[in-house]
Amino acid sequence: MRTNTLPMEALEYALTTAGRIHGNQLIHHSDRGSQYVSLKYSTALAESGIRPSVGSVGDSYDNALAETVDGLYKTELIHAQGPWTSVGEVELATLRWVHWWNTKRLHEALDYATPQEVETE
């Protein structure tokens, strides 16, 4: 996957929609995929005041938050609602799931609030 495509577009979209409201409090959790540790992506994070948090190679427990979200995404959406007939269908369902995750799903770690509620406090 080329760093200048989907990961960079997703980062720009997140920065545009979430805004740059937290200064250096934002943390970007990811695995050690080449697209996330590339110079271009790392520079974009640094310029936006976002601290990277990447796991160790082969250790899924090292970055538990990213692994948990990925696992829930696969369990709650990909496996539960498949089989999928097109990439577009998965993309649309993913957009809906992420919106639900951020605006409706209560998170224990956030004292049973949504990420959106915490962001707007």
PDB file of N, CA and C in Angstrom:
ATOM      1  N   MET A   1       0.848  -1.175   0.000  1.00  0.00           N
ATOM      2  CA  MET A   1       0.000   0.000   0.000  1.00  0.00           C
ATOM      3  C   MET A   1       0.890   1.233   0.000  1.00  0.00           C
ATOM      4  N   ARG A   2       0.570   2.179  -0.841  1.00  0.00           N
ATOM      5  CA  ARG A   2       1.362   3.401  -0.922  1.00  0.00           C
ATOM      6  C   ARG A   2       0.956   4.366   0.184  1.00  0.00           C
ATOM      7  N   THR A   3       1.956   4.947   0.821  1.00  0.00           N
ATOM      8  CA  THR A   3       1.698   5.847   1.940  1.00  0.00           C
ATOM      9  C   THR A   3       0.908   7.073   1.511  1.00  0.00           C
ATOM     10  N   ASN A   4       1.046   7.489   0.269  1.00  0.00           N
ATOM     11  CA  ASN A   4       0.375   8.716  -0.145  1.00  0.00           C
ATOM     12  C   ASN A   4      -1.063   8.490  -0.583  1.00  0.00           C
ATOM     13  N   THR A   5      -1.593   7.320  -0.347  1.00  0.00           N
ATOM     14  CA  THR A   5      -2.976   7.083  -0.735  1.00  0.00           C
ATOM     15  C   THR A   5      -3.869   7.010   0.498  1.00  0.00           C
ATOM     16  N   LEU A   6      -4.473   5.878   0.737  1.00  0.00           N
ATOM     17  CA  LEU A   6      -5.508   5.763   1.757  1.00  0.00           C
ATOM     18  C   LEU A   6      -5.084   6.189   3.171  1.00  0.00           C
ATOM     19  N   PRO A   7      -3.956   5.739   3.714  1.00  0.00           N
ATOM     20  CA  PRO A   7      -3.613   6.173   5.076  1.00  0.00           C
ATOM     21  C   PRO A   7      -3.459   7.692   5.204  1.00  0.00           C
ATOM     22  N   MET A   8      -2.826   8.325   4.223  1.00  0.00           N
ATOM     23  CA  MET A   8      -2.665   9.779   4.277  1.00  0.00           C
ATOM     24  C   MET A   8      -4.012  10.479   4.134  1.00  0.00           C
ATOM     25  N   GLU A   9      -4.861   9.970   3.250  1.00  0.00           N
ATOM     26  CA  GLU A   9      -6.193  10.554   3.087  1.00  0.00           C
ATOM     27  C   GLU A   9      -7.004  10.408   4.375  1.00  0.00           C
ATOM     28  N   ALA A  10      -6.906   9.250   5.015  1.00  0.00           N
ATOM     29  CA  ALA A  10      -7.636   9.030   6.267  1.00  0.00           C
ATOM     30  C   ALA A  10      -7.132   9.968   7.361  1.00  0.00           C
ATOM     31  N   LEU A  11      -5.829  10.159   7.440  1.00  0.00           N
ATOM     32  CA  LEU A  11      -5.265  11.075   8.433  1.00  0.00           C
ATOM     33  C   LEU A  11      -5.747  12.499   8.181  1.00  0.00           C
ATOM     34  N   GLU A  12      -5.678  12.942   6.931  1.00  0.00           N
ATOM     35  CA  GLU A  12      -6.142  14.295   6.602  1.00  0.00           C
ATOM     36  C   GLU A  12      -7.624  14.463   6.912  1.00  0.00           C
ATOM     37  N   TYR A  13      -8.413  13.453   6.608  1.00  0.00           N
ATOM     38  CA  TYR A  13      -9.848  13.514   6.896  1.00  0.00           C
ATOM     39  C   TYR A  13     -10.088  13.618   8.401  1.00  0.00           C
ATOM     40  N   ALA A  14      -9.371  12.810   9.161  1.00  0.00           N
ATOM     41  CA  ALA A  14      -9.531  12.844  10.622  1.00  0.00           C
ATOM     42  C   ALA A  14      -9.146  14.207  11.177  1.00  0.00           C
ATOM     43  N   LEU A  15      -8.062  14.770  10.681  1.00  0.00           N
ATOM     44  CA  LEU A  15      -7.628  16.082  11.163  1.00  0.00           C
ATOM     45  C   LEU A  15      -8.620  17.173  10.775  1.00  0.00           C
ATOM     46  N   THR A  16      -9.194  17.048   9.590  1.00  0.00           N
ATOM     47  CA  THR A  16     -10.159  18.042   9.122  1.00  0.00           C
ATOM     48  C   THR A  16     -11.459  17.960   9.906  1.00  0.00           C
ATOM     49  N   THR A  17     -11.953  16.749  10.119  1.00  0.00           N
ATOM     50  CA  THR A  17     -13.247  16.609  10.781  1.00  0.00           C
ATOM     51  C   THR A  17     -13.148  16.760  12.292  1.00  0.00           C
ATOM     52  N   ALA A  18     -12.087  16.269  12.890  1.00  0.00           N
ATOM     53  CA  ALA A  18     -11.938  16.369  14.344  1.00  0.00           C
ATOM     54  C   ALA A  18     -11.355  17.715  14.746  1.00  0.00           C
ATOM     55  N   GLY A  19     -10.667  18.325  13.814  1.00  0.00           N
ATOM     56  CA  GLY A  19     -10.022  19.594  14.127  1.00  0.00           C
ATOM     57  C   GLY A  19      -8.742  19.369  14.905  1.00  0.00           C
ATOM     58  N   ARG A  20      -7.999  20.403  15.043  1.00  0.00           N
ATOM     59  CA  ARG A  20      -6.728  20.319  15.765  1.00  0.00           C
ATOM     60  C   ARG A  20      -6.928  20.937  17.142  1.00  0.00           C
ATOM     61  N   ILE A  21      -7.838  20.328  17.908  1.00  0.00           N
ATOM     62  CA  ILE A  21      -8.307  20.950  19.141  1.00  0.00           C
ATOM     63  C   ILE A  21      -7.560  20.519  20.397  1.00  0.00           C
ATOM     64  N   HIS A  22      -6.778  19.499  20.317  1.00  0.00           N
ATOM     65  CA  HIS A  22      -6.166  18.966  21.532  1.00  0.00           C
ATOM     66  C   HIS A  22      -4.661  19.187  21.609  1.00  0.00           C
ATOM     67  N   GLY A  23      -4.121  19.973  20.711  1.00  0.00           N
ATOM     68  CA  GLY A  23      -2.687  20.222  20.766  1.00  0.00           C
ATOM     69  C   GLY A  23      -1.904  18.929  20.720  1.00  0.00           C
ATOM     70  N   ASN A  24      -0.992  18.753  21.655  1.00  0.00           N
ATOM     71  CA  ASN A  24      -0.154  17.552  21.660  1.00  0.00           C
ATOM     72  C   ASN A  24      -0.740  16.436  22.509  1.00  0.00           C
ATOM     73  N   GLN A  25      -2.043  16.469  22.767  1.00  0.00           N
ATOM     74  CA  GLN A  25      -2.674  15.422  23.562  1.00  0.00           C
ATOM     75  C   GLN A  25      -3.109  14.233  22.715  1.00  0.00           C
ATOM     76  N   LEU A  26      -3.159  14.390  21.397  1.00  0.00           N
ATOM     77  CA  LEU A  26      -3.613  13.293  20.546  1.00  0.00           C
ATOM     78  C   LEU A  26      -2.525  12.245  20.380  1.00  0.00           C
ATOM     79  N   ILE A  27      -2.950  10.988  20.388  1.00  0.00           N
ATOM     80  CA  ILE A  27      -2.045   9.858  20.190  1.00  0.00           C
ATOM     81  C   ILE A  27      -2.595   9.019  19.050  1.00  0.00           C
ATOM     82  N   HIS A  28      -1.741   8.652  18.114  1.00  0.00           N
ATOM     83  CA  HIS A  28      -2.127   7.827  16.972  1.00  0.00           C
ATOM     84  C   HIS A  28      -1.657   6.396  17.237  1.00  0.00           C
ATOM     85  N   HIS A  29      -2.605   5.497  17.507  1.00  0.00           N
ATOM     86  CA  HIS A  29      -2.281   4.099  17.770  1.00  0.00           C
ATOM     87  C   HIS A  29      -2.304   3.321  16.463  1.00  0.00           C
ATOM     88  N   SER A  30      -1.265   2.536  16.208  1.00  0.00           N
ATOM     89  CA  SER A  30      -1.237   1.713  14.996  1.00  0.00           C
ATOM     90  C   SER A  30      -0.279   0.546  15.193  1.00  0.00           C
ATOM     91  N   ASP A  31      -0.333  -0.350  14.219  1.00  0.00           N
ATOM     92  CA  ASP A  31       0.670  -1.404  14.200  1.00  0.00           C
ATOM     93  C   ASP A  31       1.905  -0.850  13.482  1.00  0.00           C
ATOM     94  N   ARG A  32       2.879  -1.707  13.217  1.00  0.00           N
ATOM     95  CA  ARG A  32       4.106  -1.257  12.576  1.00  0.00           C
ATOM     96  C   ARG A  32       4.043  -1.397  11.057  1.00  0.00           C
ATOM     97  N   GLY A  33       2.853  -1.268  10.502  1.00  0.00           N
ATOM     98  CA  GLY A  33       2.730  -1.319   9.051  1.00  0.00           C
ATOM     99  C   GLY A  33       3.575  -0.228   8.412  1.00  0.00           C
ATOM    100  N   SER A  34       4.169  -0.542   7.268  1.00  0.00           N
ATOM    101  CA  SER A  34       5.084   0.407   6.622  1.00  0.00           C
ATOM    102  C   SER A  34       4.420   1.743   6.336  1.00  0.00           C
ATOM    103  N   GLN A  35       3.107   1.729   6.072  1.00  0.00           N
ATOM    104  CA  GLN A  35       2.426   2.991   5.788  1.00  0.00           C
ATOM    105  C   GLN A  35       2.374   3.903   7.009  1.00  0.00           C
ATOM    106  N   TYR A  36       2.402   3.336   8.220  1.00  0.00           N
ATOM    107  CA  TYR A  36       2.294   4.139   9.442  1.00  0.00           C
ATOM    108  C   TYR A  36       3.642   4.567  10.010  1.00  0.00           C
ATOM    109  N   VAL A  37       4.703   3.885   9.648  1.00  0.00           N
ATOM    110  CA  VAL A  37       6.025   4.253  10.158  1.00  0.00           C
ATOM    111  C   VAL A  37       6.878   4.925   9.088  1.00  0.00           C
ATOM    112  N   SER A  38       6.288   5.188   7.929  1.00  0.00           N
ATOM    113  CA  SER A  38       7.024   5.851   6.856  1.00  0.00           C
ATOM    114  C   SER A  38       7.378   7.279   7.262  1.00  0.00           C
ATOM    115  N   LEU A  39       8.387   7.820   6.626  1.00  0.00           N
ATOM    116  CA  LEU A  39       8.824   9.182   6.906  1.00  0.00           C
ATOM    117  C   LEU A  39       7.701  10.182   6.617  1.00  0.00           C
ATOM    118  N   LYS A  40       7.004   9.993   5.514  1.00  0.00           N
ATOM    119  CA  LYS A  40       5.932  10.922   5.134  1.00  0.00           C
ATOM    120  C   LYS A  40       4.814  10.931   6.179  1.00  0.00           C
ATOM    121  N   TYR A  41       4.389   9.763   6.614  1.00  0.00           N
ATOM    122  CA  TYR A  41       3.292   9.672   7.582  1.00  0.00           C
ATOM    123  C   TYR A  41       3.741  10.184   8.949  1.00  0.00           C
ATOM    124  N   SER A  42       4.935   9.785   9.364  1.00  0.00           N
ATOM    125  CA  SER A  42       5.467  10.235  10.658  1.00  0.00           C
ATOM    126  C   SER A  42       5.623  11.751  10.698  1.00  0.00           C
ATOM    127  N   THR A  43       6.058  12.330   9.588  1.00  0.00           N
ATOM    128  CA  THR A  43       6.196  13.784   9.499  1.00  0.00           C
ATOM    129  C   THR A  43       4.839  14.464   9.608  1.00  0.00           C
ATOM    130  N   ALA A  44       3.839  13.907   8.927  1.00  0.00           N
ATOM    131  CA  ALA A  44       2.486  14.478   8.988  1.00  0.00           C
ATOM    132  C   ALA A  44       1.951  14.441  10.421  1.00  0.00           C
ATOM    133  N   LEU A  45       2.206  13.347  11.137  1.00  0.00           N
ATOM    134  CA  LEU A  45       1.780  13.267  12.536  1.00  0.00           C
ATOM    135  C   LEU A  45       2.484  14.339  13.371  1.00  0.00           C
ATOM    136  N   ALA A  46       3.798  14.437  13.214  1.00  0.00           N
ATOM    137  CA  ALA A  46       4.580  15.397  13.998  1.00  0.00           C
ATOM    138  C   ALA A  46       4.140  16.827  13.715  1.00  0.00           C
ATOM    139  N   GLU A  47       3.913  17.154  12.448  1.00  0.00           N
ATOM    140  CA  GLU A  47       3.487  18.507  12.082  1.00  0.00           C
ATOM    141  C   GLU A  47       2.110  18.842  12.644  1.00  0.00           C
ATOM    142  N   SER A  48       1.316  17.817  12.919  1.00  0.00           N
ATOM    143  CA  SER A  48      -0.022  18.022  13.473  1.00  0.00           C
ATOM    144  C   SER A  48      -0.033  17.931  14.996  1.00  0.00           C
ATOM    145  N   GLY A  49       1.137  17.703  15.596  1.00  0.00           N
ATOM    146  CA  GLY A  49       1.221  17.617  17.049  1.00  0.00           C
ATOM    147  C   GLY A  49       0.672  16.323  17.612  1.00  0.00           C
ATOM    148  N   ILE A  50       0.694  15.265  16.811  1.00  0.00           N
ATOM    149  CA  ILE A  50       0.154  13.970  17.233  1.00  0.00           C
ATOM    150  C   ILE A  50       1.313  13.032  17.549  1.00  0.00           C
ATOM    151  N   ARG A  51       1.252  12.388  18.713  1.00  0.00           N
ATOM    152  CA  ARG A  51       2.291  11.437  19.102  1.00  0.00           C
ATOM    153  C   ARG A  51       1.963  10.054  18.549  1.00  0.00           C
ATOM    154  N   PRO A  52       2.903   9.410  17.866  1.00  0.00           N
ATOM    155  CA  PRO A  52       2.653   8.049  17.387  1.00  0.00           C
ATOM    156  C   PRO A  52       2.811   7.029  18.508  1.00  0.00           C
ATOM    157  N   SER A  53       2.019   5.980  18.450  1.00  0.00           N
ATOM    158  CA  SER A  53       2.123   4.858  19.380  1.00  0.00           C
ATOM    159  C   SER A  53       2.025   3.596  18.546  1.00  0.00           C
ATOM    160  N   VAL A  54       3.155   2.946  18.341  1.00  0.00           N
ATOM    161  CA  VAL A  54       3.167   1.737  17.525  1.00  0.00           C
ATOM    162  C   VAL A  54       3.605   0.550  18.364  1.00  0.00           C
ATOM    163  N   GLY A  55       3.065  -0.589  18.048  1.00  0.00           N
ATOM    164  CA  GLY A  55       3.392  -1.800  18.782  1.00  0.00           C
ATOM    165  C   GLY A  55       4.685  -2.427  18.297  1.00  0.00           C
ATOM    166  N   SER A  56       5.155  -3.386  19.050  1.00  0.00           N
ATOM    167  CA  SER A  56       6.331  -4.155  18.658  1.00  0.00           C
ATOM    168  C   SER A  56       5.942  -5.181  17.608  1.00  0.00           C
ATOM    169  N   VAL A  57       6.872  -5.527  16.771  1.00  0.00           N
ATOM    170  CA  VAL A  57       6.620  -6.523  15.740  1.00  0.00           C
ATOM    171  C   VAL A  57       6.274  -7.851  16.394  1.00  0.00           C
ATOM    172  N   GLY A  58       5.152  -8.429  15.990  1.00  0.00           N
ATOM    173  CA  GLY A  58       4.747  -9.741  16.474  1.00  0.00           C
ATOM    174  C   GLY A  58       4.152  -9.774  17.867  1.00  0.00           C
ATOM    175  N   ASP A  59       3.891  -8.619  18.468  1.00  0.00           N
ATOM    176  CA  ASP A  59       3.341  -8.584  19.822  1.00  0.00           C
ATOM    177  C   ASP A  59       2.020  -7.826  19.821  1.00  0.00           C
ATOM    178  N   SER A  60       0.929  -8.555  19.672  1.00  0.00           N
ATOM    179  CA  SER A  60      -0.377  -7.907  19.581  1.00  0.00           C
ATOM    180  C   SER A  60      -0.800  -7.265  20.895  1.00  0.00           C
ATOM    181  N   TYR A  61      -0.191  -7.649  21.996  1.00  0.00           N
ATOM    182  CA  TYR A  61      -0.550  -7.058  23.285  1.00  0.00           C
ATOM    183  C   TYR A  61       0.161  -5.734  23.532  1.00  0.00           C
ATOM    184  N   ASP A  62       1.168  -5.436  22.729  1.00  0.00           N
ATOM    185  CA  ASP A  62       1.958  -4.234  22.921  1.00  0.00           C
ATOM    186  C   ASP A  62       1.165  -2.971  22.600  1.00  0.00           C
ATOM    187  N   ASN A  63       0.231  -3.049  21.684  1.00  0.00           N
ATOM    188  CA  ASN A  63      -0.609  -1.910  21.349  1.00  0.00           C
ATOM    189  C   ASN A  63      -2.056  -2.358  21.476  1.00  0.00           C
ATOM    190  N   ALA A  64      -2.451  -2.602  22.688  1.00  0.00           N
ATOM    191  CA  ALA A  64      -3.743  -3.227  22.966  1.00  0.00           C
ATOM    192  C   ALA A  64      -4.929  -2.419  22.463  1.00  0.00           C
ATOM    193  N   LEU A  65      -4.858  -1.105  22.524  1.00  0.00           N
ATOM    194  CA  LEU A  65      -5.991  -0.299  22.068  1.00  0.00           C
ATOM    195  C   LEU A  65      -6.261  -0.516  20.583  1.00  0.00           C
ATOM    196  N   ALA A  66      -5.227  -0.404  19.768  1.00  0.00           N
ATOM    197  CA  ALA A  66      -5.410  -0.602  18.328  1.00  0.00           C
ATOM    198  C   ALA A  66      -5.888  -2.017  18.036  1.00  0.00           C
ATOM    199  N   GLU A  67      -5.320  -2.993  18.718  1.00  0.00           N
ATOM    200  CA  GLU A  67      -5.730  -4.378  18.496  1.00  0.00           C
ATOM    201  C   GLU A  67      -7.179  -4.599  18.924  1.00  0.00           C
ATOM    202  N   THR A  68      -7.600  -3.974  20.013  1.00  0.00           N
ATOM    203  CA  THR A  68      -8.976  -4.118  20.484  1.00  0.00           C
ATOM    204  C   THR A  68      -9.960  -3.520  19.492  1.00  0.00           C
ATOM    205  N   VAL A  69      -9.680  -2.315  19.027  1.00  0.00           N
ATOM    206  CA  VAL A  69     -10.578  -1.671  18.064  1.00  0.00           C
ATOM    207  C   VAL A  69     -10.644  -2.484  16.777  1.00  0.00           C
ATOM    208  N   ASP A  70      -9.498  -2.933  16.281  1.00  0.00           N
ATOM    209  CA  ASP A  70      -9.495  -3.757  15.064  1.00  0.00           C
ATOM    210  C   ASP A  70     -10.307  -5.027  15.267  1.00  0.00           C
ATOM    211  N   GLY A  71     -10.144  -5.666  16.414  1.00  0.00           N
ATOM    212  CA  GLY A  71     -10.881  -6.896  16.693  1.00  0.00           C
ATOM    213  C   GLY A  71     -12.375  -6.666  16.779  1.00  0.00           C
ATOM    214  N   LEU A  72     -12.788  -5.581  17.430  1.00  0.00           N
ATOM    215  CA  LEU A  72     -14.214  -5.270  17.523  1.00  0.00           C
ATOM    216  C   LEU A  72     -14.797  -4.928  16.159  1.00  0.00           C
ATOM    217  N   TYR A  73     -14.057  -4.203  15.356  1.00  0.00           N
ATOM    218  CA  TYR A  73     -14.492  -3.865  13.995  1.00  0.00           C
ATOM    219  C   TYR A  73     -14.751  -5.141  13.195  1.00  0.00           C
ATOM    220  N   LYS A  74     -13.823  -6.073  13.271  1.00  0.00           N
ATOM    221  CA  LYS A  74     -13.989  -7.328  12.533  1.00  0.00           C
ATOM    222  C   LYS A  74     -15.150  -8.150  13.080  1.00  0.00           C
ATOM    223  N   THR A  75     -15.268  -8.218  14.407  1.00  0.00           N
ATOM    224  CA  THR A  75     -16.332  -9.016  15.024  1.00  0.00           C
ATOM    225  C   THR A  75     -17.707  -8.394  14.819  1.00  0.00           C
ATOM    226  N   GLU A  76     -17.825  -7.099  15.105  1.00  0.00           N
ATOM    227  CA  GLU A  76     -19.126  -6.435  15.076  1.00  0.00           C
ATOM    228  C   GLU A  76     -19.608  -6.089  13.677  1.00  0.00           C
ATOM    229  N   LEU A  77     -18.692  -5.958  12.739  1.00  0.00           N
ATOM    230  CA  LEU A  77     -19.108  -5.552  11.400  1.00  0.00           C
ATOM    231  C   LEU A  77     -18.727  -6.569  10.337  1.00  0.00           C
ATOM    232  N   ILE A  78     -17.455  -6.768  10.137  1.00  0.00           N
ATOM    233  CA  ILE A  78     -16.999  -7.559   8.990  1.00  0.00           C
ATOM    234  C   ILE A  78     -17.539  -8.980   9.032  1.00  0.00           C
ATOM    235  N   HIS A  79     -17.349  -9.684  10.141  1.00  0.00           N
ATOM    236  CA  HIS A  79     -17.811 -11.075  10.214  1.00  0.00           C
ATOM    237  C   HIS A  79     -19.311 -11.171  10.465  1.00  0.00           C
ATOM    238  N   ALA A  80     -19.865 -10.252  11.225  1.00  0.00           N
ATOM    239  CA  ALA A  80     -21.279 -10.324  11.593  1.00  0.00           C
ATOM    240  C   ALA A  80     -22.215  -9.981  10.441  1.00  0.00           C
ATOM    241  N   GLN A  81     -21.782  -9.107   9.538  1.00  0.00           N
ATOM    242  CA  GLN A  81     -22.687  -8.644   8.494  1.00  0.00           C
ATOM    243  C   GLN A  81     -22.328  -9.125   7.095  1.00  0.00           C
ATOM    244  N   GLY A  82     -21.248  -9.862   6.952  1.00  0.00           N
ATOM    245  CA  GLY A  82     -20.875 -10.386   5.638  1.00  0.00           C
ATOM    246  C   GLY A  82     -21.822 -11.487   5.215  1.00  0.00           C
ATOM    247  N   PRO A  83     -21.671 -12.087   4.071  1.00  0.00           N
ATOM    248  CA  PRO A  83     -20.599 -11.834   3.103  1.00  0.00           C
ATOM    249  C   PRO A  83     -20.832 -10.532   2.331  1.00  0.00           C
ATOM    250  N   TRP A  84     -19.735  -9.920   1.937  1.00  0.00           N
ATOM    251  CA  TRP A  84     -19.760  -8.643   1.241  1.00  0.00           C
ATOM    252  C   TRP A  84     -19.693  -8.878  -0.263  1.00  0.00           C
ATOM    253  N   THR A  85     -20.371  -8.042  -1.013  1.00  0.00           N
ATOM    254  CA  THR A  85     -20.390  -8.225  -2.468  1.00  0.00           C
ATOM    255  C   THR A  85     -19.488  -7.253  -3.211  1.00  0.00           C
ATOM    256  N   SER A  86     -19.021  -6.203  -2.532  1.00  0.00           N
ATOM    257  CA  SER A  86     -18.137  -5.248  -3.204  1.00  0.00           C
ATOM    258  C   SER A  86     -17.326  -4.468  -2.170  1.00  0.00           C
ATOM    259  N   VAL A  87     -16.249  -3.878  -2.636  1.00  0.00           N
ATOM    260  CA  VAL A  87     -15.430  -3.026  -1.775  1.00  0.00           C
ATOM    261  C   VAL A  87     -16.246  -1.816  -1.329  1.00  0.00           C
ATOM    262  N   GLY A  88     -17.031  -1.258  -2.239  1.00  0.00           N
ATOM    263  CA  GLY A  88     -17.867  -0.108  -1.903  1.00  0.00           C
ATOM    264  C   GLY A  88     -18.838  -0.404  -0.778  1.00  0.00           C
ATOM    265  N   GLU A  89     -19.378  -1.611  -0.773  1.00  0.00           N
ATOM    266  CA  GLU A  89     -20.299  -2.021   0.287  1.00  0.00           C
ATOM    267  C   GLU A  89     -19.586  -2.046   1.642  1.00  0.00           C
ATOM    268  N   VAL A  90     -18.365  -2.557   1.664  1.00  0.00           N
ATOM    269  CA  VAL A  90     -17.576  -2.593   2.903  1.00  0.00           C
ATOM    270  C   VAL A  90     -17.219  -1.171   3.342  1.00  0.00           C
ATOM    271  N   GLU A  91     -16.843  -0.326   2.387  1.00  0.00           N
ATOM    272  CA  GLU A  91     -16.489   1.049   2.727  1.00  0.00           C
ATOM    273  C   GLU A  91     -17.666   1.794   3.348  1.00  0.00           C
ATOM    274  N   LEU A  92     -18.844   1.662   2.767  1.00  0.00           N
ATOM    275  CA  LEU A  92     -20.028   2.335   3.299  1.00  0.00           C
ATOM    276  C   LEU A  92     -20.383   1.807   4.690  1.00  0.00           C
ATOM    277  N   ALA A  93     -20.327   0.494   4.854  1.00  0.00           N
ATOM    278  CA  ALA A  93     -20.609  -0.102   6.165  1.00  0.00           C
ATOM    279  C   ALA A  93     -19.572   0.349   7.196  1.00  0.00           C
ATOM    280  N   THR A  94     -18.325   0.475   6.780  1.00  0.00           N
ATOM    281  CA  THR A  94     -17.268   0.935   7.682  1.00  0.00           C
ATOM    282  C   THR A  94     -17.521   2.373   8.122  1.00  0.00           C
ATOM    283  N   LEU A  95     -17.911   3.224   7.192  1.00  0.00           N
ATOM    284  CA  LEU A  95     -18.239   4.608   7.556  1.00  0.00           C
ATOM    285  C   LEU A  95     -19.347   4.653   8.599  1.00  0.00           C
ATOM    286  N   ARG A  96     -20.361   3.838   8.398  1.00  0.00           N
ATOM    287  CA  ARG A  96     -21.474   3.797   9.355  1.00  0.00           C
ATOM    288  C   ARG A  96     -21.013   3.276  10.716  1.00  0.00           C
ATOM    289  N   TRP A  97     -20.177   2.232  10.698  1.00  0.00           N
ATOM    290  CA  TRP A  97     -19.699   1.649  11.950  1.00  0.00           C
ATOM    291  C   TRP A  97     -18.838   2.646  12.717  1.00  0.00           C
ATOM    292  N   VAL A  98     -17.942   3.340  12.037  1.00  0.00           N
ATOM    293  CA  VAL A  98     -17.078   4.322  12.701  1.00  0.00           C
ATOM    294  C   VAL A  98     -17.927   5.456  13.279  1.00  0.00           C
ATOM    295  N   HIS A  99     -18.929   5.894  12.540  1.00  0.00           N
ATOM    296  CA  HIS A  99     -19.825   6.936  13.059  1.00  0.00           C
ATOM    297  C   HIS A  99     -20.534   6.440  14.321  1.00  0.00           C
ATOM    298  N   TRP A 100     -21.052   5.226  14.267  1.00  0.00           N
ATOM    299  CA  TRP A 100     -21.709   4.635  15.438  1.00  0.00           C
ATOM    300  C   TRP A 100     -20.728   4.530  16.606  1.00  0.00           C
ATOM    301  N   TRP A 101     -19.521   4.040  16.350  1.00  0.00           N
ATOM    302  CA  TRP A 101     -18.488   3.870  17.375  1.00  0.00           C
ATOM    303  C   TRP A 101     -18.205   5.191  18.089  1.00  0.00           C
ATOM    304  N   ASN A 102     -18.143   6.268  17.327  1.00  0.00           N
ATOM    305  CA  ASN A 102     -17.780   7.569  17.890  1.00  0.00           C
ATOM    306  C   ASN A 102     -18.944   8.352  18.486  1.00  0.00           C
ATOM    307  N   THR A 103     -20.170   8.068  18.040  1.00  0.00           N
ATOM    308  CA  THR A 103     -21.292   8.906  18.472  1.00  0.00           C
ATOM    309  C   THR A 103     -22.356   8.189  19.294  1.00  0.00           C
ATOM    310  N   LYS A 104     -22.418   6.876  19.236  1.00  0.00           N
ATOM    311  CA  LYS A 104     -23.482   6.133  19.928  1.00  0.00           C
ATOM    312  C   LYS A 104     -22.974   5.099  20.931  1.00  0.00           C
ATOM    313  N   ARG A 105     -21.876   4.426  20.603  1.00  0.00           N
ATOM    314  CA  ARG A 105     -21.380   3.327  21.438  1.00  0.00           C
ATOM    315  C   ARG A 105     -20.777   3.869  22.728  1.00  0.00           C
ATOM    316  N   LEU A 106     -21.255   3.371  23.850  1.00  0.00           N
ATOM    317  CA  LEU A 106     -20.714   3.780  25.144  1.00  0.00           C
ATOM    318  C   LEU A 106     -19.429   3.006  25.425  1.00  0.00           C
ATOM    319  N   HIS A 107     -18.404   3.710  25.896  1.00  0.00           N
ATOM    320  CA  HIS A 107     -17.095   3.117  26.134  1.00  0.00           C
ATOM    321  C   HIS A 107     -16.804   3.104  27.631  1.00  0.00           C
ATOM    322  N   GLU A 108     -16.557   1.928  28.150  1.00  0.00           N
ATOM    323  CA  GLU A 108     -16.268   1.783  29.579  1.00  0.00           C
ATOM    324  C   GLU A 108     -15.086   2.657  29.994  1.00  0.00           C
ATOM    325  N   ALA A 109     -14.037   2.679  29.173  1.00  0.00           N
ATOM    326  CA  ALA A 109     -12.839   3.454  29.502  1.00  0.00           C
ATOM    327  C   ALA A 109     -13.107   4.959  29.551  1.00  0.00           C
ATOM    328  N   LEU A 110     -14.230   5.382  28.980  1.00  0.00           N
ATOM    329  CA  LEU A 110     -14.604   6.801  28.986  1.00  0.00           C
ATOM    330  C   LEU A 110     -15.743   7.064  29.973  1.00  0.00           C
ATOM    331  N   ASP A 111     -15.835   6.222  30.996  1.00  0.00           N
ATOM    332  CA  ASP A 111     -16.915   6.319  31.994  1.00  0.00           C
ATOM    333  C   ASP A 111     -18.286   6.252  31.336  1.00  0.00           C
ATOM    334  N   TYR A 112     -18.411   5.327  30.404  1.00  0.00           N
ATOM    335  CA  TYR A 112     -19.670   5.064  29.698  1.00  0.00           C
ATOM    336  C   TYR A 112     -20.195   6.290  28.952  1.00  0.00           C
ATOM    337  N   ALA A 113     -19.272   7.008  28.352  1.00  0.00           N
ATOM    338  CA  ALA A 113     -19.610   8.107  27.449  1.00  0.00           C
ATOM    339  C   ALA A 113     -19.157   7.710  26.049  1.00  0.00           C
ATOM    340  N   THR A 114     -19.541   8.481  25.069  1.00  0.00           N
ATOM    341  CA  THR A 114     -19.069   8.247  23.708  1.00  0.00           C
ATOM    342  C   THR A 114     -17.831   9.108  23.470  1.00  0.00           C
ATOM    343  N   PRO A 115     -16.989   8.741  22.502  1.00  0.00           N
ATOM    344  CA  PRO A 115     -15.852   9.606  22.182  1.00  0.00           C
ATOM    345  C   PRO A 115     -16.290  11.030  21.822  1.00  0.00           C
ATOM    346  N   GLN A 116     -17.393  11.145  21.117  1.00  0.00           N
ATOM    347  CA  GLN A 116     -17.887  12.471  20.749  1.00  0.00           C
ATOM    348  C   GLN A 116     -18.225  13.303  21.989  1.00  0.00           C
ATOM    349  N   GLU A 117     -18.856  12.687  22.976  1.00  0.00           N
ATOM    350  CA  GLU A 117     -19.185  13.407  24.211  1.00  0.00           C
ATOM    351  C   GLU A 117     -17.923  13.874  24.929  1.00  0.00           C
ATOM    352  N   VAL A 118     -16.913  13.013  24.972  1.00  0.00           N
ATOM    353  CA  VAL A 118     -15.661  13.365  25.639  1.00  0.00           C
ATOM    354  C   VAL A 118     -14.958  14.493  24.884  1.00  0.00           C
ATOM    355  N   GLU A 119     -14.983  14.438  23.555  1.00  0.00           N
ATOM    356  CA  GLU A 119     -14.334  15.465  22.738  1.00  0.00           C
ATOM    357  C   GLU A 119     -14.970  16.833  22.924  1.00  0.00           C
ATOM    358  N   THR A 120     -16.267  16.868  23.178  1.00  0.00           N
ATOM    359  CA  THR A 120     -16.964  18.154  23.253  1.00  0.00           C
ATOM    360  C   THR A 120     -17.105  18.683  24.676  1.00  0.00           C
ATOM    361  N   GLU A 121     -16.548  17.985  25.651  1.00  0.00           N
ATOM    362  CA  GLU A 121     -16.613  18.456  27.049  1.00  0.00           C
ATOM    363  C   GLU A 121     -15.801  19.709  27.238  1.00  0.00           C
TER     364      GLU A 121
END
